[in-house]
Amino acid sequence: MTQQNDTIRTRPDGSIDTAYYMARGRHMRSQAAHAMFSPEPAKPRRRRGFARLFGAATA
C-alpha cells in the first residue's frame, strides 16, 4: 500500500465528502481548459543568419 500524506476530507457522519472532491475536480478541469486556450507568454525569437553570426540586435 502507498503512503498518503493528505488527509481525506470527511463529512460529520464520517463518510467521504464527495461534493467537495467533485467541485475540486470541476475547478481543476476548468483551469486546464482555460490554460489550453490562453495565449502563451511571448518568447524571444531566435536570431538567424548574419544577425546570429555577428551579434546584431533584433528588432
C-alpha atoms as a PDB file:
ATOM      1  CA  MET A   1       0.000   0.000   0.000  1.00  0.00           C
ATOM      2  CA  THR A   2       1.270   3.506  -0.760  1.00  0.00           C
ATOM      3  CA  GLN A   3       1.839   6.192   1.850  1.00  0.00           C
ATOM      4  CA  GLN A   4      -0.711   9.013   1.820  1.00  0.00           C
ATOM      5  CA  ASN A   5       0.260  12.363   3.299  1.00  0.00           C
ATOM      6  CA  ASP A   6      -3.046  14.152   2.716  1.00  0.00           C
ATOM      7  CA  THR A   7      -5.971  13.538   4.995  1.00  0.00           C
ATOM      8  CA  ILE A   8      -9.231  12.692   3.257  1.00  0.00           C
ATOM      9  CA  ARG A   9     -11.920  15.285   3.801  1.00  0.00           C
ATOM     10  CA  THR A  10     -14.933  13.749   5.516  1.00  0.00           C
ATOM     11  CA  ARG A  11     -18.413  14.846   6.471  1.00  0.00           C
ATOM     12  CA  PRO A  12     -19.617  14.954  10.083  1.00  0.00           C
ATOM     13  CA  ASP A  13     -21.097  11.443   9.731  1.00  0.00           C
ATOM     14  CA  GLY A  14     -17.634  10.083   8.801  1.00  0.00           C
ATOM     15  CA  SER A  15     -18.246   9.445   5.095  1.00  0.00           C
ATOM     16  CA  ILE A  16     -16.052  10.941   2.372  1.00  0.00           C
ATOM     17  CA  ASP A  17     -17.126  14.433   1.307  1.00  0.00           C
ATOM     18  CA  THR A  18     -17.808  13.610  -2.345  1.00  0.00           C
ATOM     19  CA  ALA A  19     -19.335  17.029  -3.098  1.00  0.00           C
ATOM     20  CA  TYR A  20     -16.057  18.704  -2.122  1.00  0.00           C
ATOM     21  CA  TYR A  21     -13.995  16.421  -4.385  1.00  0.00           C
ATOM     22  CA  MET A  22     -16.431  16.783  -7.312  1.00  0.00           C
ATOM     23  CA  ALA A  23     -16.266  20.591  -7.043  1.00  0.00           C
ATOM     24  CA  ARG A  24     -12.478  20.417  -6.782  1.00  0.00           C
ATOM     25  CA  GLY A  25     -12.306  18.263  -9.930  1.00  0.00           C
ATOM     26  CA  ARG A  26     -14.563  20.644 -11.866  1.00  0.00           C
ATOM     27  CA  HIS A  27     -12.364  23.572 -10.850  1.00  0.00           C
ATOM     28  CA  MET A  28      -9.172  21.770 -11.909  1.00  0.00           C
ATOM     29  CA  ARG A  29     -10.714  20.796 -15.279  1.00  0.00           C
ATOM     30  CA  SER A  30     -11.815  24.387 -15.822  1.00  0.00           C
ATOM     31  CA  GLN A  31      -8.313  25.678 -15.105  1.00  0.00           C
ATOM     32  CA  ALA A  32      -6.825  23.135 -17.524  1.00  0.00           C
ATOM     33  CA  ALA A  33      -9.285  24.149 -20.259  1.00  0.00           C
ATOM     34  CA  HIS A  34      -8.523  27.840 -19.781  1.00  0.00           C
ATOM     35  CA  ALA A  35      -4.785  27.126 -19.861  1.00  0.00           C
ATOM     36  CA  MET A  36      -5.213  25.266 -23.161  1.00  0.00           C
ATOM     37  CA  PHE A  37      -6.754  28.283 -24.876  1.00  0.00           C
ATOM     38  CA  SER A  38      -4.869  31.137 -23.235  1.00  0.00           C
ATOM     39  CA  PRO A  39      -2.080  32.712 -25.272  1.00  0.00           C
ATOM     40  CA  GLU A  40       1.420  31.545 -24.494  1.00  0.00           C
ATOM     41  CA  PRO A  41       3.824  34.042 -22.979  1.00  0.00           C
ATOM     42  CA  ALA A  42       5.973  35.796 -25.553  1.00  0.00           C
ATOM     43  CA  LYS A  43       9.249  34.016 -26.157  1.00  0.00           C
ATOM     44  CA  PRO A  44      12.293  35.770 -27.523  1.00  0.00           C
ATOM     45  CA  ARG A  45      12.747  34.850 -31.165  1.00  0.00           C
ATOM     46  CA  ARG A  46      15.926  33.106 -32.205  1.00  0.00           C
ATOM     47  CA  ARG A  47      18.243  35.150 -34.336  1.00  0.00           C
ATOM     48  CA  ARG A  48      19.010  33.761 -37.778  1.00  0.00           C
ATOM     49  CA  GLY A  49      21.684  34.214 -40.388  1.00  0.00           C
ATOM     50  CA  PHE A  50      24.031  37.176 -40.149  1.00  0.00           C
ATOM     51  CA  ALA A  51      22.351  38.565 -37.043  1.00  0.00           C
ATOM     52  CA  ARG A  52      23.284  35.414 -35.144  1.00  0.00           C
ATOM     53  CA  LEU A  53      26.823  35.336 -36.504  1.00  0.00           C
ATOM     54  CA  PHE A  54      27.687  38.969 -35.876  1.00  0.00           C
ATOM     55  CA  GLY A  55      25.558  39.693 -32.789  1.00  0.00           C
ATOM     56  CA  ALA A  56      23.290  42.264 -34.380  1.00  0.00           C
ATOM     57  CA  ALA A  57      20.379  43.494 -32.260  1.00  0.00           C
ATOM     58  CA  THR A  58      16.929  42.146 -33.078  1.00  0.00           C
ATOM     59  CA  ALA A  59      14.038  44.454 -33.767  1.00  0.00           C
END
